[in-house]
């Protein structure tokens, strides 16, 4: 996957938001040391690799919640959260409302 700043990941990790990524995993996938990867990533993207991962997961969640048939529990596991509760808490912290409230607001405004 070509990531921002020209980072390149090969293999199954190229679309694996559910993987429990660590900084070491990300650095290894890009053939860099942890410190080099973290610094380059931050310099290029403007945020830490793990903050970027959370942003990516939340973007995928927002897209999935545009349809009424997306089950929030299933979505949580698809995105790498250990429970629906953990996902809902992260979503609310990131976006200021629960996944259900977000979906309800979107579908009401159509």
Protein backbone atom coordinates (compact mmCIF):
# COMPACT_ATOMS: atom_id res chain seq x y z
CA UNK A 1 0.00 0.00 0.00
CA UNK A 2 1.37 3.39 -0.80
CA UNK A 3 0.86 5.36 2.37
CA UNK A 4 1.35 9.10 2.80
CA UNK A 5 4.90 10.20 2.33
CA UNK A 6 5.85 7.31 0.10
CA UNK A 7 5.83 4.65 2.81
CA UNK A 8 5.30 1.31 1.16
CA UNK A 9 3.92 -1.78 2.81
CA UNK A 10 3.84 -5.19 1.19
CA UNK A 11 1.95 -8.32 1.98
CA UNK A 12 -1.28 -8.80 3.89
CA UNK A 13 -0.72 -5.73 6.05
CA UNK A 14 -1.53 -3.47 3.13
CA UNK A 15 -5.21 -3.50 4.07
CA UNK A 16 -5.36 -4.83 7.60
CA UNK A 17 -6.95 -2.28 9.90
CA UNK A 18 -8.01 -5.09 12.24
CA UNK A 19 -4.42 -6.14 12.91
CA UNK A 20 -3.19 -5.19 16.34
CA UNK A 21 -0.41 -2.99 14.97
CA UNK A 22 2.54 -1.93 17.07
CA UNK A 23 5.16 0.61 16.10
CA UNK A 24 7.58 -2.29 15.70
CA UNK A 25 5.21 -4.06 13.27
CA UNK A 26 4.81 -0.93 11.16
CA UNK A 27 8.55 -0.26 11.11
CA UNK A 28 9.28 -3.85 10.12
CA UNK A 29 6.68 -3.70 7.32
CA UNK A 30 8.46 -0.66 5.90
CA UNK A 31 11.98 -2.06 6.46
CA UNK A 32 13.00 0.66 8.91
CA UNK A 33 13.99 0.84 12.55
CA UNK A 34 11.25 1.93 14.95
CA UNK A 35 12.82 5.31 15.65
CA UNK A 36 13.53 6.05 11.98
CA UNK A 37 10.04 4.99 10.95
CA UNK A 38 8.32 7.00 13.70
CA UNK A 39 10.33 10.14 12.95
CA UNK A 40 9.91 9.91 9.16
CA UNK A 41 6.23 9.19 9.49
CA UNK A 42 5.66 12.12 11.84
CA UNK A 43 7.75 14.46 9.65
CA UNK A 44 5.87 13.40 6.52
CA UNK A 45 2.31 12.92 7.73
CA UNK A 46 2.25 15.28 10.69
CA UNK A 47 1.04 12.76 13.25
CA UNK A 48 2.26 9.58 14.88
CA UNK A 49 1.80 6.25 13.11
CA UNK A 50 -0.61 4.94 15.73
CA UNK A 51 -2.69 8.15 15.72
CA UNK A 52 -2.89 7.81 11.95
CA UNK A 53 -4.07 4.20 12.36
CA UNK A 54 -6.88 5.34 14.64
CA UNK A 55 -7.85 8.05 12.14
CA UNK A 56 -7.89 5.42 9.36
CA UNK A 57 -10.07 3.09 11.40
CA UNK A 58 -12.51 5.90 12.22
CA UNK A 59 -12.73 6.90 8.55
CA UNK A 60 -13.53 3.29 7.61
CA UNK A 61 -16.13 3.19 10.40
CA UNK A 62 -17.79 6.39 9.18
CA UNK A 63 -18.02 5.00 5.67
CA UNK A 64 -19.49 1.71 6.88
CA UNK A 65 -22.07 3.46 9.06
CA UNK A 66 -23.61 5.15 6.04
CA UNK A 67 -25.75 2.05 5.61
CA UNK A 68 -28.38 0.88 8.07
CA UNK A 69 -27.44 -2.78 7.69
CA UNK A 70 -23.93 -2.40 9.14
CA UNK A 71 -23.90 -4.13 12.50
CA UNK A 72 -21.83 -2.08 14.94
CA UNK A 73 -20.52 -5.12 16.81
CA UNK A 74 -19.32 -6.77 13.63
CA UNK A 75 -17.78 -3.50 12.46
CA UNK A 76 -15.91 -3.18 15.76
CA UNK A 77 -14.19 -6.54 15.27
CA UNK A 78 -13.53 -5.84 11.58
CA UNK A 79 -11.66 -2.70 12.60
CA UNK A 80 -9.59 -4.43 15.27
CA UNK A 81 -11.44 -3.56 18.46
CA UNK A 82 -11.83 -6.24 21.12
CA UNK A 83 -15.46 -5.39 21.79
CA UNK A 84 -18.33 -3.24 20.60
CA UNK A 85 -17.95 -1.21 23.79
CA UNK A 86 -14.26 -0.48 23.12
CA UNK A 87 -15.08 0.58 19.57
CA UNK A 88 -18.02 2.75 20.64
CA UNK A 89 -15.87 4.50 23.25
CA UNK A 90 -13.08 5.16 20.73
CA UNK A 91 -15.59 6.37 18.12
CA UNK A 92 -17.27 8.74 20.59
CA UNK A 93 -13.90 10.08 21.77
CA UNK A 94 -12.81 10.65 18.17
CA UNK A 95 -16.06 12.02 16.70
CA UNK A 96 -18.03 13.28 19.69
CA UNK A 97 -20.98 10.93 19.27
CA UNK A 98 -21.65 7.21 19.42
CA UNK A 99 -21.65 5.11 16.24
CA UNK A 100 -25.41 4.62 16.56
CA UNK A 101 -26.04 8.36 16.97
CA UNK A 102 -23.77 9.05 14.00
CA UNK A 103 -25.63 6.59 11.78
CA UNK A 104 -29.03 7.84 12.97
CA UNK A 105 -28.06 11.44 12.20
CA UNK A 106 -26.80 10.48 8.73
CA UNK A 107 -29.85 8.47 7.76
CA UNK A 108 -32.25 11.10 9.13
CA UNK A 109 -30.65 13.82 7.01
CA UNK A 110 -31.07 11.92 3.73
